Amino acid sequence: MAENGKKIAMAIGIYLLVKQFVNVMLGASIFSMLIPFVISVFFYLNLSEYTNYVAGAVIAFIAVWHLPDNLRNFPSSWLYLTEGILDLAGSVVLIFSQDIKAYFSKS
């Protein structure tokens, strides 16, 4: 169960990294990658049973923060709206998946 949780958490982490690189290629500043990177490294080095909750909450907060603009500009912002939906799905998995809970409580 914990090994499965590790794989799921790694998949979400890889998605977040790829997403940041795509955002930079689409015009976001390189600084926008710095904050998620620093947070990720901090929690990786200080792995605790609450890491998945904090990461899920931060991802959900950022997605919900940008949701009104993405909905308002929908035809031209479909990519960012899709990104926000995937972010929310990832945060729900990080917070509620029993496998991920088992992985982080084991560490």
PDB file of N, CA and C in Angstrom:
ATOM      1  N   MET A   1       0.826  -1.191   0.000  1.00  0.00           N
ATOM      2  CA  MET A   1       0.000   0.000   0.000  1.00  0.00           C
ATOM      3  C   MET A   1       0.872   1.258   0.000  1.00  0.00           C
ATOM      4  N   ALA A   2       1.904   1.275   0.845  1.00  0.00           N
ATOM      5  CA  ALA A   2       2.780   2.447   0.909  1.00  0.00           C
ATOM      6  C   ALA A   2       3.576   2.604  -0.379  1.00  0.00           C
ATOM      7  N   GLU A   3       3.983   1.473  -0.976  1.00  0.00           N
ATOM      8  CA  GLU A   3       4.736   1.543  -2.240  1.00  0.00           C
ATOM      9  C   GLU A   3       3.854   2.104  -3.350  1.00  0.00           C
ATOM     10  N   ASN A   4       2.596   1.726  -3.356  1.00  0.00           N
ATOM     11  CA  ASN A   4       1.644   2.266  -4.330  1.00  0.00           C
ATOM     12  C   ASN A   4       1.452   3.763  -4.110  1.00  0.00           C
ATOM     13  N   GLY A   5       1.380   4.183  -2.859  1.00  0.00           N
ATOM     14  CA  GLY A   5       1.249   5.603  -2.533  1.00  0.00           C
ATOM     15  C   GLY A   5       2.443   6.403  -2.993  1.00  0.00           C
ATOM     16  N   LYS A   6       3.631   5.810  -2.874  1.00  0.00           N
ATOM     17  CA  LYS A   6       4.847   6.484  -3.344  1.00  0.00           C
ATOM     18  C   LYS A   6       4.781   6.701  -4.849  1.00  0.00           C
ATOM     19  N   LYS A   7       4.317   5.700  -5.588  1.00  0.00           N
ATOM     20  CA  LYS A   7       4.210   5.818  -7.049  1.00  0.00           C
ATOM     21  C   LYS A   7       3.201   6.894  -7.440  1.00  0.00           C
ATOM     22  N   ILE A   8       2.078   6.939  -6.743  1.00  0.00           N
ATOM     23  CA  ILE A   8       1.055   7.950  -7.039  1.00  0.00           C
ATOM     24  C   ILE A   8       1.589   9.344  -6.733  1.00  0.00           C
ATOM     25  N   ALA A   9       2.242   9.503  -5.587  1.00  0.00           N
ATOM     26  CA  ALA A   9       2.801  10.810  -5.215  1.00  0.00           C
ATOM     27  C   ALA A   9       3.871  11.242  -6.209  1.00  0.00           C
ATOM     28  N   MET A  10       4.698  10.314  -6.664  1.00  0.00           N
ATOM     29  CA  MET A  10       5.726  10.636  -7.661  1.00  0.00           C
ATOM     30  C   MET A  10       5.083  11.052  -8.981  1.00  0.00           C
ATOM     31  N   ALA A  11       4.020  10.381  -9.387  1.00  0.00           N
ATOM     32  CA  ALA A  11       3.333  10.737 -10.631  1.00  0.00           C
ATOM     33  C   ALA A  11       2.768  12.153 -10.546  1.00  0.00           C
ATOM     34  N   ILE A  12       2.181  12.498  -9.419  1.00  0.00           N
ATOM     35  CA  ILE A  12       1.651  13.852  -9.237  1.00  0.00           C
ATOM     36  C   ILE A  12       2.794  14.862  -9.243  1.00  0.00           C
ATOM     37  N   GLY A  13       3.894  14.531  -8.603  1.00  0.00           N
ATOM     38  CA  GLY A  13       5.059  15.416  -8.599  1.00  0.00           C
ATOM     39  C   GLY A  13       5.628  15.635  -9.993  1.00  0.00           C
ATOM     40  N   ILE A  14       5.706  14.578 -10.787  1.00  0.00           N
ATOM     41  CA  ILE A  14       6.200  14.704 -12.165  1.00  0.00           C
ATOM     42  C   ILE A  14       5.248  15.562 -12.983  1.00  0.00           C
ATOM     43  N   TYR A  15       3.940  15.353 -12.811  1.00  0.00           N
ATOM     44  CA  TYR A  15       2.962  16.204 -13.503  1.00  0.00           C
ATOM     45  C   TYR A  15       3.189  17.673 -13.161  1.00  0.00           C
ATOM     46  N   LEU A  16       3.394  17.973 -11.881  1.00  0.00           N
ATOM     47  CA  LEU A  16       3.586  19.365 -11.465  1.00  0.00           C
ATOM     48  C   LEU A  16       4.853  19.962 -12.067  1.00  0.00           C
ATOM     49  N   LEU A  17       5.917  19.183 -12.151  1.00  0.00           N
ATOM     50  CA  LEU A  17       7.153  19.677 -12.771  1.00  0.00           C
ATOM     51  C   LEU A  17       6.967  19.939 -14.263  1.00  0.00           C
ATOM     52  N   VAL A  18       6.358  18.989 -14.959  1.00  0.00           N
ATOM     53  CA  VAL A  18       6.111  19.162 -16.398  1.00  0.00           C
ATOM     54  C   VAL A  18       5.214  20.373 -16.627  1.00  0.00           C
ATOM     55  N   LYS A  19       4.202  20.528 -15.790  1.00  0.00           N
ATOM     56  CA  LYS A  19       3.289  21.669 -15.906  1.00  0.00           C
ATOM     57  C   LYS A  19       4.042  22.988 -15.769  1.00  0.00           C
ATOM     58  N   GLN A  20       4.950  23.068 -14.820  1.00  0.00           N
ATOM     59  CA  GLN A  20       5.710  24.304 -14.631  1.00  0.00           C
ATOM     60  C   GLN A  20       6.597  24.603 -15.834  1.00  0.00           C
ATOM     61  N   PHE A  21       7.230  23.583 -16.395  1.00  0.00           N
ATOM     62  CA  PHE A  21       8.064  23.801 -17.582  1.00  0.00           C
ATOM     63  C   PHE A  21       7.220  24.269 -18.765  1.00  0.00           C
ATOM     64  N   VAL A  22       6.043  23.679 -18.942  1.00  0.00           N
ATOM     65  CA  VAL A  22       5.150  24.108 -20.026  1.00  0.00           C
ATOM     66  C   VAL A  22       4.708  25.546 -19.796  1.00  0.00           C
ATOM     67  N   ASN A  23       4.373  25.901 -18.569  1.00  0.00           N
ATOM     68  CA  ASN A  23       3.968  27.277 -18.273  1.00  0.00           C
ATOM     69  C   ASN A  23       5.078  28.269 -18.583  1.00  0.00           C
ATOM     70  N   VAL A  24       6.320  27.912 -18.271  1.00  0.00           N
ATOM     71  CA  VAL A  24       7.445  28.798 -18.587  1.00  0.00           C
ATOM     72  C   VAL A  24       7.589  28.930 -20.099  1.00  0.00           C
ATOM     73  N   MET A  25       7.420  27.837 -20.821  1.00  0.00           N
ATOM     74  CA  MET A  25       7.510  27.897 -22.285  1.00  0.00           C
ATOM     75  C   MET A  25       6.387  28.747 -22.872  1.00  0.00           C
ATOM     76  N   LEU A  26       5.235  28.775 -22.193  1.00  0.00           N
ATOM     77  CA  LEU A  26       4.100  29.570 -22.676  1.00  0.00           C
ATOM     78  C   LEU A  26       4.171  31.026 -22.229  1.00  0.00           C
ATOM     79  N   GLY A  27       5.195  31.385 -21.478  1.00  0.00           N
ATOM     80  CA  GLY A  27       5.363  32.790 -21.146  1.00  0.00           C
ATOM     81  C   GLY A  27       5.400  33.150 -19.683  1.00  0.00           C
ATOM     82  N   ALA A  28       5.207  32.196 -18.791  1.00  0.00           N
ATOM     83  CA  ALA A  28       5.295  32.518 -17.364  1.00  0.00           C
ATOM     84  C   ALA A  28       6.756  32.777 -17.007  1.00  0.00           C
ATOM     85  N   SER A  29       6.964  33.513 -15.952  1.00  0.00           N
ATOM     86  CA  SER A  29       8.345  33.810 -15.555  1.00  0.00           C
ATOM     87  C   SER A  29       8.983  32.585 -14.909  1.00  0.00           C
ATOM     88  N   ILE A  30      10.282  32.520 -15.007  1.00  0.00           N
ATOM     89  CA  ILE A  30      11.023  31.419 -14.394  1.00  0.00           C
ATOM     90  C   ILE A  30      10.866  31.456 -12.876  1.00  0.00           C
ATOM     91  N   PHE A  31      10.577  32.628 -12.322  1.00  0.00           N
ATOM     92  CA  PHE A  31      10.368  32.774 -10.885  1.00  0.00           C
ATOM     93  C   PHE A  31       9.169  31.956 -10.419  1.00  0.00           C
ATOM     94  N   SER A  32       8.172  31.776 -11.304  1.00  0.00           N
ATOM     95  CA  SER A  32       6.991  31.001 -10.917  1.00  0.00           C
ATOM     96  C   SER A  32       7.341  29.546 -10.631  1.00  0.00           C
ATOM     97  N   MET A  33       8.478  29.078 -11.133  1.00  0.00           N
ATOM     98  CA  MET A  33       8.918  27.717 -10.841  1.00  0.00           C
ATOM     99  C   MET A  33       9.642  27.636  -9.507  1.00  0.00           C
ATOM    100  N   LEU A  34      10.169  28.737  -9.059  1.00  0.00           N
ATOM    101  CA  LEU A  34      11.007  28.733  -7.866  1.00  0.00           C
ATOM    102  C   LEU A  34      10.223  28.375  -6.607  1.00  0.00           C
ATOM    103  N   ILE A  35       9.056  28.956  -6.442  1.00  0.00           N
ATOM    104  CA  ILE A  35       8.270  28.729  -5.226  1.00  0.00           C
ATOM    105  C   ILE A  35       7.856  27.261  -5.093  1.00  0.00           C
ATOM    106  N   PRO A  36       7.229  26.646  -6.124  1.00  0.00           N
ATOM    107  CA  PRO A  36       6.888  25.222  -5.979  1.00  0.00           C
ATOM    108  C   PRO A  36       8.121  24.337  -5.771  1.00  0.00           C
ATOM    109  N   PHE A  37       9.240  24.705  -6.408  1.00  0.00           N
ATOM    110  CA  PHE A  37      10.462  23.920  -6.252  1.00  0.00           C
ATOM    111  C   PHE A  37      10.971  23.975  -4.816  1.00  0.00           C
ATOM    112  N   VAL A  38      11.020  25.164  -4.247  1.00  0.00           N
ATOM    113  CA  VAL A  38      11.501  25.316  -2.869  1.00  0.00           C
ATOM    114  C   VAL A  38      10.583  24.580  -1.899  1.00  0.00           C
ATOM    115  N   ILE A  39       9.284  24.708  -2.092  1.00  0.00           N
ATOM    116  CA  ILE A  39       8.329  24.008  -1.226  1.00  0.00           C
ATOM    117  C   ILE A  39       8.508  22.497  -1.354  1.00  0.00           C
ATOM    118  N   SER A  40       8.663  22.015  -2.581  1.00  0.00           N
ATOM    119  CA  SER A  40       8.830  20.577  -2.810  1.00  0.00           C
ATOM    120  C   SER A  40      10.091  20.049  -2.146  1.00  0.00           C
ATOM    121  N   VAL A  41      11.193  20.755  -2.315  1.00  0.00           N
ATOM    122  CA  VAL A  41      12.456  20.316  -1.708  1.00  0.00           C
ATOM    123  C   VAL A  41      12.350  20.329  -0.185  1.00  0.00           C
ATOM    124  N   PHE A  42      11.746  21.374   0.366  1.00  0.00           N
ATOM    125  CA  PHE A  42      11.587  21.455   1.816  1.00  0.00           C
ATOM    126  C   PHE A  42      10.814  20.254   2.348  1.00  0.00           C
ATOM    127  N   PHE A  43       9.674  19.949   1.721  1.00  0.00           N
ATOM    128  CA  PHE A  43       8.862  18.848   2.223  1.00  0.00           C
ATOM    129  C   PHE A  43       9.492  17.492   1.941  1.00  0.00           C
ATOM    130  N   TYR A  44      10.248  17.390   0.849  1.00  0.00           N
ATOM    131  CA  TYR A  44      10.927  16.130   0.575  1.00  0.00           C
ATOM    132  C   TYR A  44      11.995  15.861   1.632  1.00  0.00           C
ATOM    133  N   LEU A  45      12.743  16.889   1.984  1.00  0.00           N
ATOM    134  CA  LEU A  45      13.801  16.718   2.974  1.00  0.00           C
ATOM    135  C   LEU A  45      13.251  16.548   4.386  1.00  0.00           C
ATOM    136  N   ASN A  46      12.075  17.070   4.642  1.00  0.00           N
ATOM    137  CA  ASN A  46      11.440  16.979   5.958  1.00  0.00           C
ATOM    138  C   ASN A  46      10.176  16.135   5.877  1.00  0.00           C
ATOM    139  N   LEU A  47      10.275  15.016   5.200  1.00  0.00           N
ATOM    140  CA  LEU A  47       9.116  14.164   4.964  1.00  0.00           C
ATOM    141  C   LEU A  47       8.432  13.823   6.282  1.00  0.00           C
ATOM    142  N   SER A  48       7.159  14.169   6.365  1.00  0.00           N
ATOM    143  CA  SER A  48       6.396  13.859   7.562  1.00  0.00           C
ATOM    144  C   SER A  48       5.037  13.339   7.136  1.00  0.00           C
ATOM    145  N   GLU A  49       4.264  12.912   8.102  1.00  0.00           N
ATOM    146  CA  GLU A  49       2.955  12.361   7.776  1.00  0.00           C
ATOM    147  C   GLU A  49       1.970  13.422   7.290  1.00  0.00           C
ATOM    148  N   TYR A  50       2.326  14.701   7.410  1.00  0.00           N
ATOM    149  CA  TYR A  50       1.430  15.770   6.979  1.00  0.00           C
ATOM    150  C   TYR A  50       1.823  16.379   5.638  1.00  0.00           C
ATOM    151  N   THR A  51       2.885  15.908   5.039  1.00  0.00           N
ATOM    152  CA  THR A  51       3.370  16.477   3.783  1.00  0.00           C
ATOM    153  C   THR A  51       2.306  16.437   2.702  1.00  0.00           C
ATOM    154  N   ASN A  52       1.621  15.320   2.570  1.00  0.00           N
ATOM    155  CA  ASN A  52       0.605  15.209   1.524  1.00  0.00           C
ATOM    156  C   ASN A  52      -0.543  16.191   1.750  1.00  0.00           C
ATOM    157  N   TYR A  53      -0.902  16.448   2.997  1.00  0.00           N
ATOM    158  CA  TYR A  53      -1.981  17.393   3.274  1.00  0.00           C
ATOM    159  C   TYR A  53      -1.578  18.824   2.920  1.00  0.00           C
ATOM    160  N   VAL A  54      -0.371  19.200   3.303  1.00  0.00           N
ATOM    161  CA  VAL A  54       0.102  20.557   3.015  1.00  0.00           C
ATOM    162  C   VAL A  54       0.249  20.757   1.513  1.00  0.00           C
ATOM    163  N   ALA A  55       0.868  19.799   0.839  1.00  0.00           N
ATOM    164  CA  ALA A  55       1.045  19.910  -0.612  1.00  0.00           C
ATOM    165  C   ALA A  55      -0.308  19.965  -1.317  1.00  0.00           C
ATOM    166  N   GLY A  56      -1.236  19.101  -0.924  1.00  0.00           N
ATOM    167  CA  GLY A  56      -2.566  19.109  -1.530  1.00  0.00           C
ATOM    168  C   GLY A  56      -3.301  20.413  -1.294  1.00  0.00           C
ATOM    169  N   ALA A  57      -3.179  20.958  -0.090  1.00  0.00           N
ATOM    170  CA  ALA A  57      -3.846  22.226   0.223  1.00  0.00           C
ATOM    171  C   ALA A  57      -3.252  23.382  -0.573  1.00  0.00           C
ATOM    172  N   VAL A  58      -1.931  23.418  -0.715  1.00  0.00           N
ATOM    173  CA  VAL A  58      -1.287  24.491  -1.483  1.00  0.00           C
ATOM    174  C   VAL A  58      -1.690  24.410  -2.952  1.00  0.00           C
ATOM    175  N   ILE A  59      -1.667  23.208  -3.511  1.00  0.00           N
ATOM    176  CA  ILE A  59      -2.051  23.032  -4.916  1.00  0.00           C
ATOM    177  C   ILE A  59      -3.507  23.441  -5.123  1.00  0.00           C
ATOM    178  N   ALA A  60      -4.393  23.009  -4.225  1.00  0.00           N
ATOM    179  CA  ALA A  60      -5.810  23.361  -4.345  1.00  0.00           C
ATOM    180  C   ALA A  60      -6.019  24.863  -4.203  1.00  0.00           C
ATOM    181  N   PHE A  61      -5.318  25.495  -3.267  1.00  0.00           N
ATOM    182  CA  PHE A  61      -5.453  26.936  -3.069  1.00  0.00           C
ATOM    183  C   PHE A  61      -5.074  27.697  -4.338  1.00  0.00           C
ATOM    184  N   ILE A  62      -3.951  27.336  -4.939  1.00  0.00           N
ATOM    185  CA  ILE A  62      -3.506  28.022  -6.154  1.00  0.00           C
ATOM    186  C   ILE A  62      -4.493  27.795  -7.294  1.00  0.00           C
ATOM    187  N   ALA A  63      -4.999  26.575  -7.434  1.00  0.00           N
ATOM    188  CA  ALA A  63      -5.958  26.279  -8.502  1.00  0.00           C
ATOM    189  C   ALA A  63      -7.256  27.063  -8.311  1.00  0.00           C
ATOM    190  N   VAL A  64      -7.758  27.096  -7.089  1.00  0.00           N
ATOM    191  CA  VAL A  64      -9.003  27.830  -6.816  1.00  0.00           C
ATOM    192  C   VAL A  64      -8.783  29.333  -6.966  1.00  0.00           C
ATOM    193  N   TRP A  65      -7.606  29.813  -6.603  1.00  0.00           N
ATOM    194  CA  TRP A  65      -7.277  31.235  -6.730  1.00  0.00           C
ATOM    195  C   TRP A  65      -7.389  31.690  -8.190  1.00  0.00           C
ATOM    196  N   HIS A  66      -6.927  30.853  -9.118  1.00  0.00           N
ATOM    197  CA  HIS A  66      -6.928  31.212 -10.537  1.00  0.00           C
ATOM    198  C   HIS A  66      -8.209  30.805 -11.268  1.00  0.00           C
ATOM    199  N   LEU A  67      -9.068  30.048 -10.629  1.00  0.00           N
ATOM    200  CA  LEU A  67     -10.276  29.550 -11.278  1.00  0.00           C
ATOM    201  C   LEU A  67     -11.184  30.645 -11.832  1.00  0.00           C
ATOM    202  N   PRO A  68     -11.482  31.721 -11.097  1.00  0.00           N
ATOM    203  CA  PRO A  68     -12.371  32.753 -11.656  1.00  0.00           C
ATOM    204  C   PRO A  68     -11.838  33.368 -12.957  1.00  0.00           C
ATOM    205  N   ASP A  69     -10.550  33.664 -13.019  1.00  0.00           N
ATOM    206  CA  ASP A  69      -9.978  34.215 -14.252  1.00  0.00           C
ATOM    207  C   ASP A  69     -10.031  33.204 -15.384  1.00  0.00           C
ATOM    208  N   ASN A  70      -9.765  31.954 -15.076  1.00  0.00           N
ATOM    209  CA  ASN A  70      -9.808  30.926 -16.112  1.00  0.00           C
ATOM    210  C   ASN A  70     -11.220  30.733 -16.649  1.00  0.00           C
ATOM    211  N   LEU A  71     -12.221  30.838 -15.788  1.00  0.00           N
ATOM    212  CA  LEU A  71     -13.609  30.720 -16.243  1.00  0.00           C
ATOM    213  C   LEU A  71     -14.048  31.963 -17.012  1.00  0.00           C
ATOM    214  N   ARG A  72     -13.620  33.121 -16.557  1.00  0.00           N
ATOM    215  CA  ARG A  72     -13.998  34.374 -17.202  1.00  0.00           C
ATOM    216  C   ARG A  72     -13.440  34.448 -18.626  1.00  0.00           C
ATOM    217  N   ASN A  73     -12.254  33.958 -18.832  1.00  0.00           N
ATOM    218  CA  ASN A  73     -11.598  34.014 -20.138  1.00  0.00           C
ATOM    219  C   ASN A  73     -11.636  32.663 -20.839  1.00  0.00           C
ATOM    220  N   PHE A  74     -12.709  31.903 -20.619  1.00  0.00           N
ATOM    221  CA  PHE A  74     -12.733  30.498 -21.007  1.00  0.00           C
ATOM    222  C   PHE A  74     -12.312  30.177 -22.437  1.00  0.00           C
ATOM    223  N   PRO A  75     -12.863  30.736 -23.440  1.00  0.00           N
ATOM    224  CA  PRO A  75     -12.452  30.220 -24.755  1.00  0.00           C
ATOM    225  C   PRO A  75     -10.947  30.309 -24.987  1.00  0.00           C
ATOM    226  N   SER A  76     -10.336  31.357 -24.498  1.00  0.00           N
ATOM    227  CA  SER A  76      -8.903  31.510 -24.737  1.00  0.00           C
ATOM    228  C   SER A  76      -8.052  30.900 -23.621  1.00  0.00           C
ATOM    229  N   SER A  77      -8.673  30.474 -22.538  1.00  0.00           N
ATOM    230  CA  SER A  77      -7.895  29.941 -21.414  1.00  0.00           C
ATOM    231  C   SER A  77      -8.240  28.485 -21.115  1.00  0.00           C
ATOM    232  N   TRP A  78      -8.663  27.751 -22.124  1.00  0.00           N
ATOM    233  CA  TRP A  78      -9.060  26.359 -21.896  1.00  0.00           C
ATOM    234  C   TRP A  78      -7.900  25.522 -21.351  1.00  0.00           C
ATOM    235  N   LEU A  79      -6.676  25.822 -21.794  1.00  0.00           N
ATOM    236  CA  LEU A  79      -5.520  25.064 -21.313  1.00  0.00           C
ATOM    237  C   LEU A  79      -5.316  25.288 -19.813  1.00  0.00           C
ATOM    238  N   TYR A  80      -5.435  26.531 -19.372  1.00  0.00           N
ATOM    239  CA  TYR A  80      -5.249  26.841 -17.952  1.00  0.00           C
ATOM    240  C   TYR A  80      -6.405  26.308 -17.110  1.00  0.00           C
ATOM    241  N   LEU A  81      -7.608  26.289 -17.675  1.00  0.00           N
ATOM    242  CA  LEU A  81      -8.749  25.713 -16.968  1.00  0.00           C
ATOM    243  C   LEU A  81      -8.550  24.205 -16.792  1.00  0.00           C
ATOM    244  N   THR A  82      -8.080  23.550 -17.843  1.00  0.00           N
ATOM    245  CA  THR A  82      -7.781  22.120 -17.758  1.00  0.00           C
ATOM    246  C   THR A  82      -6.692  21.858 -16.722  1.00  0.00           C
ATOM    247  N   GLU A  83      -5.683  22.700 -16.727  1.00  0.00           N
ATOM    248  CA  GLU A  83      -4.595  22.594 -15.747  1.00  0.00           C
ATOM    249  C   GLU A  83      -5.142  22.722 -14.325  1.00  0.00           C
ATOM    250  N   GLY A  84      -6.041  23.673 -14.110  1.00  0.00           N
ATOM    251  CA  GLY A  84      -6.633  23.861 -12.787  1.00  0.00           C
ATOM    252  C   GLY A  84      -7.451  22.663 -12.342  1.00  0.00           C
ATOM    253  N   ILE A  85      -8.193  22.076 -13.275  1.00  0.00           N
ATOM    254  CA  ILE A  85      -8.990  20.889 -12.950  1.00  0.00           C
ATOM    255  C   ILE A  85      -8.073  19.721 -12.586  1.00  0.00           C
ATOM    256  N   LEU A  86      -6.990  19.548 -13.352  1.00  0.00           N
ATOM    257  CA  LEU A  86      -6.027  18.489 -13.032  1.00  0.00           C
ATOM    258  C   LEU A  86      -5.347  18.743 -11.687  1.00  0.00           C
ATOM    259  N   ASP A  87      -5.056  20.009 -11.401  1.00  0.00           N
ATOM    260  CA  ASP A  87      -4.463  20.358 -10.102  1.00  0.00           C
ATOM    261  C   ASP A  87      -5.408  19.999  -8.957  1.00  0.00           C
ATOM    262  N   LEU A  88      -6.681  20.336  -9.117  1.00  0.00           N
ATOM    263  CA  LEU A  88      -7.658  20.007  -8.071  1.00  0.00           C
ATOM    264  C   LEU A  88      -7.791  18.500  -7.899  1.00  0.00           C
ATOM    265  N   ALA A  89      -7.797  17.763  -9.012  1.00  0.00           N
ATOM    266  CA  ALA A  89      -7.871  16.301  -8.930  1.00  0.00           C
ATOM    267  C   ALA A  89      -6.646  15.743  -8.202  1.00  0.00           C
ATOM    268  N   GLY A  90      -5.476  16.271  -8.530  1.00  0.00           N
ATOM    269  CA  GLY A  90      -4.255  15.823  -7.860  1.00  0.00           C
ATOM    270  C   GLY A  90      -4.265  16.126  -6.377  1.00  0.00           C
ATOM    271  N   SER A  91      -4.779  17.290  -6.011  1.00  0.00           N
ATOM    272  CA  SER A  91      -4.815  17.637  -4.587  1.00  0.00           C
ATOM    273  C   SER A  91      -5.813  16.759  -3.831  1.00  0.00           C
ATOM    274  N   VAL A  92      -6.924  16.416  -4.466  1.00  0.00           N
ATOM    275  CA  VAL A  92      -7.886  15.511  -3.826  1.00  0.00           C
ATOM    276  C   VAL A  92      -7.238  14.147  -3.596  1.00  0.00           C
ATOM    277  N   VAL A  93      -6.506  13.667  -4.590  1.00  0.00           N
ATOM    278  CA  VAL A  93      -5.821  12.380  -4.440  1.00  0.00           C
ATOM    279  C   VAL A  93      -4.771  12.459  -3.332  1.00  0.00           C
ATOM    280  N   LEU A  94      -3.990  13.540  -3.310  1.00  0.00           N
ATOM    281  CA  LEU A  94      -2.968  13.687  -2.266  1.00  0.00           C
ATOM    282  C   LEU A  94      -3.574  13.686  -0.865  1.00  0.00           C
ATOM    283  N   ILE A  95      -4.728  14.285  -0.724  1.00  0.00           N
ATOM    284  CA  ILE A  95      -5.328  14.421   0.603  1.00  0.00           C
ATOM    285  C   ILE A  95      -6.107  13.175   1.025  1.00  0.00           C
ATOM    286  N   PHE A  96      -6.816  12.531   0.085  1.00  0.00           N
ATOM    287  CA  PHE A  96      -7.752  11.476   0.474  1.00  0.00           C
ATOM    288  C   PHE A  96      -7.323  10.048   0.132  1.00  0.00           C
ATOM    289  N   SER A  97      -6.286   9.856  -0.661  1.00  0.00           N
ATOM    290  CA  SER A  97      -5.870   8.504  -1.044  1.00  0.00           C
ATOM    291  C   SER A  97      -5.285   7.757   0.156  1.00  0.00           C
ATOM    292  N   GLN A  98      -5.821   6.582   0.419  1.00  0.00           N
ATOM    293  CA  GLN A  98      -5.321   5.760   1.525  1.00  0.00           C
ATOM    294  C   GLN A  98      -3.890   5.294   1.270  1.00  0.00           C
ATOM    295  N   ASP A  99      -3.555   5.039   0.004  1.00  0.00           N
ATOM    296  CA  ASP A  99      -2.199   4.611  -0.332  1.00  0.00           C
ATOM    297  C   ASP A  99      -1.187   5.714  -0.033  1.00  0.00           C
ATOM    298  N   ILE A 100      -1.526   6.940  -0.387  1.00  0.00           N
ATOM    299  CA  ILE A 100      -0.616   8.060  -0.128  1.00  0.00           C
ATOM    300  C   ILE A 100      -0.509   8.315   1.372  1.00  0.00           C
ATOM    301  N   LYS A 101      -1.616   8.208   2.083  1.00  0.00           N
ATOM    302  CA  LYS A 101      -1.563   8.355   3.547  1.00  0.00           C
ATOM    303  C   LYS A 101      -0.639   7.304   4.156  1.00  0.00           C
ATOM    304  N   ALA A 102      -0.726   6.076   3.652  1.00  0.00           N
ATOM    305  CA  ALA A 102       0.128   5.003   4.171  1.00  0.00           C
ATOM    306  C   ALA A 102       1.595   5.290   3.891  1.00  0.00           C
ATOM    307  N   TYR A 103       1.894   5.818   2.716  1.00  0.00           N
ATOM    308  CA  TYR A 103       3.286   6.132   2.374  1.00  0.00           C
ATOM    309  C   TYR A 103       3.841   7.229   3.274  1.00  0.00           C
ATOM    310  N   PHE A 104       3.093   8.308   3.459  1.00  0.00           N
ATOM    311  CA  PHE A 104       3.611   9.419   4.251  1.00  0.00           C
ATOM    312  C   PHE A 104       3.617   9.121   5.746  1.00  0.00           C
ATOM    313  N   SER A 105       2.706   8.294   6.227  1.00  0.00           N
ATOM    314  CA  SER A 105       2.727   7.960   7.654  1.00  0.00           C
ATOM    315  C   SER A 105       3.830   6.950   7.958  1.00  0.00           C
ATOM    316  N   LYS A 106       4.246   6.195   6.948  1.00  0.00           N
ATOM    317  CA  LYS A 106       5.323   5.213   7.108  1.00  0.00           C
ATOM    318  C   LYS A 106       6.687   5.885   7.157  1.00  0.00           C
ATOM    319  N   SER A 107       6.821   7.031   6.465  1.00  0.00           N
ATOM    320  CA  SER A 107       8.127   7.689   6.329  1.00  0.00           C
ATOM    321  C   SER A 107       8.593   8.309   7.619  1.00  0.00           C
TER     322      SER A 107
END
